[in-house]
Amino acid sequence: ALMKECDNGSALASALYLQKEKEFMLYKERVKHERYLYAGLLILSMAL
């Protein structure tokens, strides 16, 4: 709620913010891949 009341906006801050947003998306993709990997390893371990 407080972030909506700010009065200081800059292109650099927005660019950094968007960069962190992309990093978060990369984190989500990595976690997703890791889950698939762990699930595959679990299935493989069960199969073995």
All heavy atoms as atom14 arrays in JSON, in Angstrom:
{
  "sequence": "ALMKECDNGSALASALYLQKEKEFMLYKERVKHERYLYAGLLILSMAL",
  "atom14_mask": [
    [1, 1, 1, 1, 1, 0, 0, 0, 0, 0, 0, 0, 0, 0],
    [1, 1, 1, 1, 1, 1, 1, 1, 0, 0, 0, 0, 0, 0],
    [1, 1, 1, 1, 1, 1, 1, 1, 0, 0, 0, 0, 0, 0],
    [1, 1, 1, 1, 1, 1, 1, 1, 1, 0, 0, 0, 0, 0],
    [1, 1, 1, 1, 1, 1, 1, 1, 1, 0, 0, 0, 0, 0],
    [1, 1, 1, 1, 1, 1, 0, 0, 0, 0, 0, 0, 0, 0],
    [1, 1, 1, 1, 1, 1, 1, 1, 0, 0, 0, 0, 0, 0],
    [1, 1, 1, 1, 1, 1, 1, 1, 0, 0, 0, 0, 0, 0],
    [1, 1, 1, 1, 0, 0, 0, 0, 0, 0, 0, 0, 0, 0],
    [1, 1, 1, 1, 1, 1, 0, 0, 0, 0, 0, 0, 0, 0],
    [1, 1, 1, 1, 1, 0, 0, 0, 0, 0, 0, 0, 0, 0],
    [1, 1, 1, 1, 1, 1, 1, 1, 0, 0, 0, 0, 0, 0],
    [1, 1, 1, 1, 1, 0, 0, 0, 0, 0, 0, 0, 0, 0],
    [1, 1, 1, 1, 1, 1, 0, 0, 0, 0, 0, 0, 0, 0],
    [1, 1, 1, 1, 1, 0, 0, 0, 0, 0, 0, 0, 0, 0],
    [1, 1, 1, 1, 1, 1, 1, 1, 0, 0, 0, 0, 0, 0],
    [1, 1, 1, 1, 1, 1, 1, 1, 1, 1, 1, 1, 0, 0],
    [1, 1, 1, 1, 1, 1, 1, 1, 0, 0, 0, 0, 0, 0],
    [1, 1, 1, 1, 1, 1, 1, 1, 1, 0, 0, 0, 0, 0],
    [1, 1, 1, 1, 1, 1, 1, 1, 1, 0, 0, 0, 0, 0],
    [1, 1, 1, 1, 1, 1, 1, 1, 1, 0, 0, 0, 0, 0],
    [1, 1, 1, 1, 1, 1, 1, 1, 1, 0, 0, 0, 0, 0],
    [1, 1, 1, 1, 1, 1, 1, 1, 1, 0, 0, 0, 0, 0],
    [1, 1, 1, 1, 1, 1, 1, 1, 1, 1, 1, 0, 0, 0],
    [1, 1, 1, 1, 1, 1, 1, 1, 0, 0, 0, 0, 0, 0],
    [1, 1, 1, 1, 1, 1, 1, 1, 0, 0, 0, 0, 0, 0],
    [1, 1, 1, 1, 1, 1, 1, 1, 1, 1, 1, 1, 0, 0],
    [1, 1, 1, 1, 1, 1, 1, 1, 1, 0, 0, 0, 0, 0],
    [1, 1, 1, 1, 1, 1, 1, 1, 1, 0, 0, 0, 0, 0],
    [1, 1, 1, 1, 1, 1, 1, 1, 1, 1, 1, 0, 0, 0],
    [1, 1, 1, 1, 1, 1, 1, 0, 0, 0, 0, 0, 0, 0],
    [1, 1, 1, 1, 1, 1, 1, 1, 1, 0, 0, 0, 0, 0],
    [1, 1, 1, 1, 1, 1, 1, 1, 1, 1, 0, 0, 0, 0],
    [1, 1, 1, 1, 1, 1, 1, 1, 1, 0, 0, 0, 0, 0],
    [1, 1, 1, 1, 1, 1, 1, 1, 1, 1, 1, 0, 0, 0],
    [1, 1, 1, 1, 1, 1, 1, 1, 1, 1, 1, 1, 0, 0],
    [1, 1, 1, 1, 1, 1, 1, 1, 0, 0, 0, 0, 0, 0],
    [1, 1, 1, 1, 1, 1, 1, 1, 1, 1, 1, 1, 0, 0],
    [1, 1, 1, 1, 1, 0, 0, 0, 0, 0, 0, 0, 0, 0],
    [1, 1, 1, 1, 0, 0, 0, 0, 0, 0, 0, 0, 0, 0],
    [1, 1, 1, 1, 1, 1, 1, 1, 0, 0, 0, 0, 0, 0],
    [1, 1, 1, 1, 1, 1, 1, 1, 0, 0, 0, 0, 0, 0],
    [1, 1, 1, 1, 1, 1, 1, 1, 0, 0, 0, 0, 0, 0],
    [1, 1, 1, 1, 1, 1, 1, 1, 0, 0, 0, 0, 0, 0],
    [1, 1, 1, 1, 1, 1, 0, 0, 0, 0, 0, 0, 0, 0],
    [1, 1, 1, 1, 1, 1, 1, 1, 0, 0, 0, 0, 0, 0],
    [1, 1, 1, 1, 1, 0, 0, 0, 0, 0, 0, 0, 0, 0],
    [1, 1, 1, 1, 1, 1, 1, 1, 0, 0, 0, 0, 0, 0]
  ],
  "atom14_positions": [
    [[0.83, -1.21, 0.0], [0.0, 0.0, 0.0], [0.86, 1.26, 0.0], [0.56, 2.25, -0.68], [-0.92, -0.02, 1.22], [0.0, 0.0, 0.0], [0.0, 0.0, 0.0], [0.0, 0.0, 0.0], [0.0, 0.0, 0.0], [0.0, 0.0, 0.0], [0.0, 0.0, 0.0], [0.0, 0.0, 0.0], [0.0, 0.0, 0.0], [0.0, 0.0, 0.0]],
    [[1.98, 1.21, 0.76], [2.86, 2.38, 0.83], [3.59, 2.63, -0.5], [3.89, 3.79, -0.84], [3.89, 2.21, 1.94], [3.33, 2.23, 3.37], [4.41, 1.87, 4.38], [2.75, 3.62, 3.68], [0.0, 0.0, 0.0], [0.0, 0.0, 0.0], [0.0, 0.0, 0.0], [0.0, 0.0, 0.0], [0.0, 0.0, 0.0], [0.0, 0.0, 0.0]],
    [[3.9, 1.53, -1.23], [4.61, 1.68, -2.5], [3.78, 2.45, -3.54], [4.32, 3.05, -4.46], [5.01, 0.31, -3.05], [6.14, -0.34, -2.25], [6.48, -2.02, -2.79], [7.19, -1.71, -4.39], [0.0, 0.0, 0.0], [0.0, 0.0, 0.0], [0.0, 0.0, 0.0], [0.0, 0.0, 0.0], [0.0, 0.0, 0.0], [0.0, 0.0, 0.0]],
    [[2.47, 2.44, -3.37], [1.61, 3.16, -4.3], [1.59, 4.66, -4.02], [1.16, 5.46, -4.84], [0.18, 2.61, -4.22], [0.07, 1.19, -4.7], [-1.36, 0.66, -4.57], [-1.45, -0.78, -5.04], [-2.82, -1.32, -4.9], [0.0, 0.0, 0.0], [0.0, 0.0, 0.0], [0.0, 0.0, 0.0], [0.0, 0.0, 0.0], [0.0, 0.0, 0.0]],
    [[2.08, 5.06, -2.82], [2.05, 6.47, -2.43], [3.4, 7.16, -2.64], [3.61, 8.29, -2.21], [1.65, 6.59, -0.95], [0.29, 6.01, -0.65], [-0.02, 6.03, 0.83], [0.86, 6.5, 1.61], [-1.11, 5.58, 1.22], [0.0, 0.0, 0.0], [0.0, 0.0, 0.0], [0.0, 0.0, 0.0], [0.0, 0.0, 0.0], [0.0, 0.0, 0.0]],
    [[4.35, 6.51, -3.28], [5.68, 7.09, -3.46], [5.65, 8.22, -4.48], [4.75, 8.28, -5.33], [6.68, 6.02, -3.87], [6.35, 5.39, -5.54], [0.0, 0.0, 0.0], [0.0, 0.0, 0.0], [0.0, 0.0, 0.0], [0.0, 0.0, 0.0], [0.0, 0.0, 0.0], [0.0, 0.0, 0.0], [0.0, 0.0, 0.0], [0.0, 0.0, 0.0]],
    [[6.68, 9.08, -4.42], [6.74, 10.2, -5.37], [8.08, 10.27, -6.07], [8.44, 11.29, -6.64], [6.47, 11.51, -4.63], [7.41, 11.69, -3.43], [8.3, 10.82, -3.25], [7.24, 12.68, -2.71], [0.0, 0.0, 0.0], [0.0, 0.0, 0.0], [0.0, 0.0, 0.0], [0.0, 0.0, 0.0], [0.0, 0.0, 0.0], [0.0, 0.0, 0.0]],
    [[8.85, 9.19, -5.99], [10.19, 9.2, -6.58], [10.31, 8.05, -7.57], [10.5, 6.91, -7.17], [11.25, 9.1, -5.48], [12.67, 9.17, -6.05], [12.85, 9.55, -7.21], [13.65, 8.82, -5.24], [0.0, 0.0, 0.0], [0.0, 0.0, 0.0], [0.0, 0.0, 0.0], [0.0, 0.0, 0.0], [0.0, 0.0, 0.0], [0.0, 0.0, 0.0]],
    [[10.2, 8.34, -8.83], [10.34, 7.32, -9.85], [11.51, 7.64, -10.76], [11.71, 8.8, -11.13], [0.0, 0.0, 0.0], [0.0, 0.0, 0.0], [0.0, 0.0, 0.0], [0.0, 0.0, 0.0], [0.0, 0.0, 0.0], [0.0, 0.0, 0.0], [0.0, 0.0, 0.0], [0.0, 0.0, 0.0], [0.0, 0.0, 0.0], [0.0, 0.0, 0.0]],
    [[12.3, 6.63, -11.1], [13.46, 6.84, -11.99], [13.58, 5.66, -12.92], [13.17, 4.55, -12.61], [14.74, 7.03, -11.17], [15.08, 5.82, -10.52], [0.0, 0.0, 0.0], [0.0, 0.0, 0.0], [0.0, 0.0, 0.0], [0.0, 0.0, 0.0], [0.0, 0.0, 0.0], [0.0, 0.0, 0.0], [0.0, 0.0, 0.0], [0.0, 0.0, 0.0]],
    [[14.17, 5.95, -14.08], [14.35, 4.9, -15.09], [15.29, 3.83, -14.58], [15.1, 2.63, -14.83], [14.85, 5.5, -16.39], [0.0, 0.0, 0.0], [0.0, 0.0, 0.0], [0.0, 0.0, 0.0], [0.0, 0.0, 0.0], [0.0, 0.0, 0.0], [0.0, 0.0, 0.0], [0.0, 0.0, 0.0], [0.0, 0.0, 0.0], [0.0, 0.0, 0.0]],
    [[16.36, 4.23, -13.86], [17.33, 3.26, -13.36], [16.69, 2.32, -12.35], [16.88, 1.1, -12.4], [18.52, 3.99, -12.72], [19.6, 3.09, -12.11], [20.2, 2.19, -13.17], [20.68, 3.93, -11.43], [0.0, 0.0, 0.0], [0.0, 0.0, 0.0], [0.0, 0.0, 0.0], [0.0, 0.0, 0.0], [0.0, 0.0, 0.0], [0.0, 0.0, 0.0]],
    [[15.89, 2.91, -11.43], [15.23, 2.08, -10.42], [14.26, 1.11, -11.07], [14.15, -0.07, -10.68], [14.52, 2.97, -9.41], [0.0, 0.0, 0.0], [0.0, 0.0, 0.0], [0.0, 0.0, 0.0], [0.0, 0.0, 0.0], [0.0, 0.0, 0.0], [0.0, 0.0, 0.0], [0.0, 0.0, 0.0], [0.0, 0.0, 0.0], [0.0, 0.0, 0.0]],
    [[13.53, 1.59, -12.08], [12.59, 0.71, -12.78], [13.32, -0.4, -13.51], [12.88, -1.56, -13.53], [11.75, 1.53, -13.76], [10.98, 2.49, -13.08], [0.0, 0.0, 0.0], [0.0, 0.0, 0.0], [0.0, 0.0, 0.0], [0.0, 0.0, 0.0], [0.0, 0.0, 0.0], [0.0, 0.0, 0.0], [0.0, 0.0, 0.0], [0.0, 0.0, 0.0]],
    [[14.45, -0.04, -14.14], [15.23, -1.06, -14.86], [15.75, -2.12, -13.9], [15.71, -3.33, -14.18], [16.38, -0.39, -15.61], [0.0, 0.0, 0.0], [0.0, 0.0, 0.0], [0.0, 0.0, 0.0], [0.0, 0.0, 0.0], [0.0, 0.0, 0.0], [0.0, 0.0, 0.0], [0.0, 0.0, 0.0], [0.0, 0.0, 0.0], [0.0, 0.0, 0.0]],
    [[16.27, -1.66, -12.73], [16.75, -2.63, -11.74], [15.61, -3.51, -11.22], [15.78, -4.7, -11.0], [17.41, -1.89, -10.57], [18.76, -1.21, -10.88], [19.21, -0.36, -9.7], [19.81, -2.26, -11.21], [0.0, 0.0, 0.0], [0.0, 0.0, 0.0], [0.0, 0.0, 0.0], [0.0, 0.0, 0.0], [0.0, 0.0, 0.0], [0.0, 0.0, 0.0]],
    [[14.46, -2.86, -11.01], [13.28, -3.61, -10.54], [12.9, -4.7, -11.55], [12.65, -5.87, -11.19], [12.13, -2.64, -10.3], [10.92, -3.28, -9.65], [10.76, -3.24, -8.28], [9.94, -3.92, -10.4], [9.65, -3.81, -7.66], [8.83, -4.51, -9.8], [8.69, -4.44, -8.43], [7.6, -5.01, -7.84], [0.0, 0.0, 0.0], [0.0, 0.0, 0.0]],
    [[12.85, -4.31, -12.83], [12.49, -5.27, -13.88], [13.54, -6.37, -14.01], [13.21, -7.52, -14.31], [12.3, -4.54, -15.21], [11.11, -3.56, -15.26], [11.11, -2.8, -16.6], [9.79, -4.32, -15.09], [0.0, 0.0, 0.0], [0.0, 0.0, 0.0], [0.0, 0.0, 0.0], [0.0, 0.0, 0.0], [0.0, 0.0, 0.0], [0.0, 0.0, 0.0]],
    [[14.82, -5.99, -13.76], [15.89, -7.0, -13.81], [15.68, -8.04, -12.7], [15.82, -9.24, -12.93], [17.24, -6.3, -13.65], [18.44, -7.25, -13.54], [18.65, -8.07, -14.8], [18.33, -7.6, -15.91], [19.16, -9.29, -14.64], [0.0, 0.0, 0.0], [0.0, 0.0, 0.0], [0.0, 0.0, 0.0], [0.0, 0.0, 0.0], [0.0, 0.0, 0.0]],
    [[15.32, -7.56, -11.5], [15.07, -8.48, -10.4], [13.84, -9.35, -10.67], [13.78, -10.52, -10.28], [14.89, -7.71, -9.08], [16.15, -6.99, -8.63], [17.28, -8.0, -8.47], [18.62, -7.32, -8.31], [19.74, -8.3, -8.3], [0.0, 0.0, 0.0], [0.0, 0.0, 0.0], [0.0, 0.0, 0.0], [0.0, 0.0, 0.0], [0.0, 0.0, 0.0]],
    [[12.89, -8.77, -11.34], [11.7, -9.53, -11.72], [12.06, -10.67, -12.67], [11.57, -11.81, -12.53], [10.7, -8.57, -12.37], [9.31, -9.15, -12.53], [8.36, -8.11, -13.12], [8.69, -7.55, -14.19], [7.32, -7.87, -12.51], [0.0, 0.0, 0.0], [0.0, 0.0, 0.0], [0.0, 0.0, 0.0], [0.0, 0.0, 0.0], [0.0, 0.0, 0.0]],
    [[12.96, -10.39, -13.63], [13.43, -11.44, -14.56], [14.21, -12.52, -13.81], [14.08, -13.72, -14.1], [14.3, -10.82, -15.65], [13.53, -9.96, -16.63], [14.47, -9.38, -17.68], [13.7, -8.5, -18.67], [14.6, -7.87, -19.67], [0.0, 0.0, 0.0], [0.0, 0.0, 0.0], [0.0, 0.0, 0.0], [0.0, 0.0, 0.0], [0.0, 0.0, 0.0]],
    [[15.05, -12.05, -12.85], [15.8, -13.03, -12.06], [14.86, -13.94, -11.28], [15.11, -15.14, -11.13], [16.75, -12.3, -11.1], [17.9, -11.61, -11.8], [18.76, -10.81, -10.85], [18.49, -10.87, -9.62], [19.69, -10.14, -11.3], [0.0, 0.0, 0.0], [0.0, 0.0, 0.0], [0.0, 0.0, 0.0], [0.0, 0.0, 0.0], [0.0, 0.0, 0.0]],
    [[13.76, -13.37, -10.76], [12.78, -14.19, -10.06], [12.14, -15.21, -11.0], [11.92, -16.37, -10.61], [11.71, -13.29, -9.44], [10.58, -14.05, -8.82], [10.77, -14.82, -7.68], [9.32, -14.04, -9.4], [9.73, -15.54, -7.11], [8.27, -14.76, -8.83], [8.47, -15.51, -7.68], [0.0, 0.0, 0.0], [0.0, 0.0, 0.0], [0.0, 0.0, 0.0]],
    [[11.85, -14.79, -12.24], [11.28, -15.72, -13.22], [12.28, -16.86, -13.52], [11.89, -18.02, -13.66], [10.9, -14.98, -14.49], [9.83, -13.9, -14.29], [8.31, -14.55, -13.54], [7.75, -15.64, -14.82], [0.0, 0.0, 0.0], [0.0, 0.0, 0.0], [0.0, 0.0, 0.0], [0.0, 0.0, 0.0], [0.0, 0.0, 0.0], [0.0, 0.0, 0.0]],
    [[13.57, -16.47, -13.63], [14.6, -17.5, -13.84], [14.66, -18.46, -12.64], [14.86, -19.66, -12.81], [15.97, -16.83, -14.06], [16.14, -16.06, -15.36], [17.48, -15.33, -15.38], [16.05, -17.02, -16.56], [0.0, 0.0, 0.0], [0.0, 0.0, 0.0], [0.0, 0.0, 0.0], [0.0, 0.0, 0.0], [0.0, 0.0, 0.0], [0.0, 0.0, 0.0]],
    [[14.51, -17.89, -11.42], [14.49, -18.73, -10.22], [13.33, -19.72, -10.28], [13.5, -20.91, -9.98], [14.38, -17.84, -8.98], [13.99, -18.59, -7.74], [14.94, -19.33, -7.03], [12.67, -18.61, -7.29], [14.59, -20.03, -5.9], [12.32, -19.33, -6.15], [13.27, -20.03, -5.47], [12.93, -20.75, -4.35], [0.0, 0.0, 0.0], [0.0, 0.0, 0.0]],
    [[12.16, -19.24, -10.68], [11.0, -20.12, -10.77], [11.22, -21.23, -11.79], [10.86, -22.39, -11.55], [9.75, -19.3, -11.13], [9.24, -18.42, -10.0], [8.01, -17.62, -10.42], [6.83, -18.53, -10.68], [5.61, -17.74, -11.0], [0.0, 0.0, 0.0], [0.0, 0.0, 0.0], [0.0, 0.0, 0.0], [0.0, 0.0, 0.0], [0.0, 0.0, 0.0]],
    [[11.82, -20.86, -12.93], [12.1, -21.88, -13.94], [13.1, -22.92, -13.42], [12.95, -24.11, -13.64], [12.65, -21.22, -15.22], [11.6, -20.48, -16.03], [10.56, -21.44, -16.6], [10.93, -22.55, -17.03], [9.37, -21.08, -16.59], [0.0, 0.0, 0.0], [0.0, 0.0, 0.0], [0.0, 0.0, 0.0], [0.0, 0.0, 0.0], [0.0, 0.0, 0.0]],
    [[14.13, -22.4, -12.71], [15.12, -23.33, -12.17], [14.49, -24.28, -11.15], [14.76, -25.49, -11.15], [16.25, -22.55, -11.51], [17.33, -23.44, -10.87], [18.53, -22.61, -10.47], [18.2, -21.65, -9.45], [18.12, -21.92, -8.14], [18.33, -23.15, -7.7], [17.86, -20.96, -7.27], [0.0, 0.0, 0.0], [0.0, 0.0, 0.0], [0.0, 0.0, 0.0]],
    [[13.64, -23.72, -10.27], [12.97, -24.55, -9.26], [12.08, -25.59, -9.94], [12.01, -26.75, -9.52], [12.16, -23.67, -8.29], [11.25, -24.52, -7.41], [13.09, -22.82, -7.44], [0.0, 0.0, 0.0], [0.0, 0.0, 0.0], [0.0, 0.0, 0.0], [0.0, 0.0, 0.0], [0.0, 0.0, 0.0], [0.0, 0.0, 0.0], [0.0, 0.0, 0.0]],
    [[11.41, -25.15, -11.0], [10.54, -26.06, -11.74], [11.35, -27.21, -12.33], [10.97, -28.39, -12.23], [9.81, -25.29, -12.84], [8.83, -26.11, -13.63], [8.15, -25.25, -14.68], [7.18, -26.06, -15.53], [6.53, -25.22, -16.58], [0.0, 0.0, 0.0], [0.0, 0.0, 0.0], [0.0, 0.0, 0.0], [0.0, 0.0, 0.0], [0.0, 0.0, 0.0]],
    [[12.48, -26.86, -12.95], [13.34, -27.89, -13.54], [13.89, -28.82, -12.47], [14.0, -30.03, -12.67], [14.48, -27.25, -14.33], [14.01, -26.55, -15.57], [14.73, -25.54, -16.18], [12.88, -26.69, -16.3], [14.08, -25.11, -17.23], [12.95, -25.79, -17.34], [0.0, 0.0, 0.0], [0.0, 0.0, 0.0], [0.0, 0.0, 0.0], [0.0, 0.0, 0.0]],
    [[14.27, -28.22, -11.31], [14.8, -29.04, -10.23], [13.73, -30.01, -9.71], [14.03, -31.17, -9.39], [15.3, -28.15, -9.1], [16.61, -27.45, -9.42], [17.04, -26.52, -8.31], [16.24, -26.32, -7.35], [18.16, -25.98, -8.4], [0.0, 0.0, 0.0], [0.0, 0.0, 0.0], [0.0, 0.0, 0.0], [0.0, 0.0, 0.0], [0.0, 0.0, 0.0]],
    [[12.5, -29.53, -9.63], [11.42, -30.42, -9.19], [11.24, -31.58, -10.16], [11.07, -32.73, -9.74], [10.12, -29.63, -9.07], [10.07, -28.72, -7.85], [8.81, -27.9, -7.83], [8.75, -27.01, -6.67], [7.84, -26.07, -6.5], [6.89, -25.88, -7.43], [7.85, -25.31, -5.42], [0.0, 0.0, 0.0], [0.0, 0.0, 0.0], [0.0, 0.0, 0.0]],
    [[11.27, -31.25, -11.46], [11.18, -32.32, -12.45], [12.35, -33.29, -12.31], [12.19, -34.52, -12.42], [11.15, -31.74, -13.86], [9.85, -31.07, -14.23], [9.82, -29.99, -15.12], [8.64, -31.49, -13.7], [8.61, -29.37, -15.46], [7.44, -30.88, -14.03], [7.44, -29.82, -14.91], [6.26, -29.22, -15.24], [0.0, 0.0, 0.0], [0.0, 0.0, 0.0]],
    [[13.54, -32.7, -12.07], [14.73, -33.54, -11.93], [14.6, -34.45, -10.7], [14.87, -35.65, -10.76], [15.97, -32.66, -11.81], [17.3, -33.4, -11.56], [17.61, -34.33, -12.73], [18.43, -32.41, -11.35], [0.0, 0.0, 0.0], [0.0, 0.0, 0.0], [0.0, 0.0, 0.0], [0.0, 0.0, 0.0], [0.0, 0.0, 0.0], [0.0, 0.0, 0.0]],
    [[14.18, -33.84, -9.55], [14.03, -34.64, -8.34], [12.95, -35.71, -8.5], [13.09, -36.84, -8.03], [13.7, -33.74, -7.15], [14.81, -32.79, -6.77], [14.53, -31.54, -6.23], [16.14, -33.14, -6.97], [15.55, -30.66, -5.88], [17.16, -32.27, -6.63], [16.87, -31.03, -6.1], [17.87, -30.18, -5.76], [0.0, 0.0, 0.0], [0.0, 0.0, 0.0]],
    [[11.85, -35.31, -9.19], [10.79, -36.29, -9.43], [11.31, -37.43, -10.3], [11.02, -38.61, -10.06], [9.59, -35.61, -10.08], [0.0, 0.0, 0.0], [0.0, 0.0, 0.0], [0.0, 0.0, 0.0], [0.0, 0.0, 0.0], [0.0, 0.0, 0.0], [0.0, 0.0, 0.0], [0.0, 0.0, 0.0], [0.0, 0.0, 0.0], [0.0, 0.0, 0.0]],
    [[12.09, -37.05, -11.34], [12.66, -38.09, -12.21], [13.62, -38.99, -11.45], [13.61, -40.21, -11.62], [0.0, 0.0, 0.0], [0.0, 0.0, 0.0], [0.0, 0.0, 0.0], [0.0, 0.0, 0.0], [0.0, 0.0, 0.0], [0.0, 0.0, 0.0], [0.0, 0.0, 0.0], [0.0, 0.0, 0.0], [0.0, 0.0, 0.0], [0.0, 0.0, 0.0]],
    [[14.46, -38.34, -10.59], [15.39, -39.15, -9.79], [14.65, -40.07, -8.82], [15.04, -41.21, -8.61], [16.33, -38.23, -9.01], [17.38, -37.47, -9.84], [18.13, -36.5, -8.96], [18.33, -38.44, -10.51], [0.0, 0.0, 0.0], [0.0, 0.0, 0.0], [0.0, 0.0, 0.0], [0.0, 0.0, 0.0], [0.0, 0.0, 0.0], [0.0, 0.0, 0.0]],
    [[13.55, -39.53, -8.24], [12.75, -40.36, -7.34], [12.14, -41.55, -8.07], [12.2, -42.69, -7.59], [11.65, -39.51, -6.7], [10.71, -40.24, -5.75], [11.47, -40.82, -4.56], [9.6, -39.32, -5.26], [0.0, 0.0, 0.0], [0.0, 0.0, 0.0], [0.0, 0.0, 0.0], [0.0, 0.0, 0.0], [0.0, 0.0, 0.0], [0.0, 0.0, 0.0]],
    [[11.58, -41.26, -9.25], [10.98, -42.35, -10.04], [12.04, -43.35, -10.45], [11.84, -44.57, -10.4], [10.26, -41.77, -11.27], [9.04, -40.95, -10.82], [9.82, -42.88, -12.22], [8.39, -40.16, -11.94], [0.0, 0.0, 0.0], [0.0, 0.0, 0.0], [0.0, 0.0, 0.0], [0.0, 0.0, 0.0], [0.0, 0.0, 0.0], [0.0, 0.0, 0.0]],
    [[13.22, -42.81, -10.86], [14.32, -43.7, -11.25], [14.78, -44.55, -10.07], [15.03, -45.75, -10.21], [15.48, -42.87, -11.78], [16.72, -43.65, -12.24], [16.37, -44.6, -13.38], [17.83, -42.7, -12.67], [0.0, 0.0, 0.0], [0.0, 0.0, 0.0], [0.0, 0.0, 0.0], [0.0, 0.0, 0.0], [0.0, 0.0, 0.0], [0.0, 0.0, 0.0]],
    [[14.88, -43.91, -8.88], [15.29, -44.66, -7.69], [14.27, -45.74, -7.35], [14.65, -46.87, -7.02], [15.44, -43.71, -6.5], [16.41, -42.73, -6.78], [0.0, 0.0, 0.0], [0.0, 0.0, 0.0], [0.0, 0.0, 0.0], [0.0, 0.0, 0.0], [0.0, 0.0, 0.0], [0.0, 0.0, 0.0], [0.0, 0.0, 0.0], [0.0, 0.0, 0.0]],
    [[12.98, -45.39, -7.46], [11.94, -46.39, -7.19], [12.01, -47.52, -8.2], [11.88, -48.7, -7.85], [10.57, -45.72, -7.23], [10.31, -44.77, -6.08], [8.74, -43.9, -6.22], [7.6, -45.27, -6.06], [0.0, 0.0, 0.0], [0.0, 0.0, 0.0], [0.0, 0.0, 0.0], [0.0, 0.0, 0.0], [0.0, 0.0, 0.0], [0.0, 0.0, 0.0]],
    [[12.24, -47.14, -9.48], [12.34, -48.18, -10.51], [13.53, -49.09, -10.25], [13.43, -50.32, -10.36], [12.46, -47.53, -11.89], [0.0, 0.0, 0.0], [0.0, 0.0, 0.0], [0.0, 0.0, 0.0], [0.0, 0.0, 0.0], [0.0, 0.0, 0.0], [0.0, 0.0, 0.0], [0.0, 0.0, 0.0], [0.0, 0.0, 0.0], [0.0, 0.0, 0.0]],
    [[14.67, -48.46, -9.87], [15.85, -49.27, -9.56], [15.6, -50.16, -8.35], [16.03, -51.31, -8.32], [17.05, -48.35, -9.3], [17.62, -47.63, -10.52], [18.71, -46.65, -10.1], [18.18, -48.62, -11.54], [0.0, 0.0, 0.0], [0.0, 0.0, 0.0], [0.0, 0.0, 0.0], [0.0, 0.0, 0.0], [0.0, 0.0, 0.0], [0.0, 0.0, 0.0]]
  ]
}
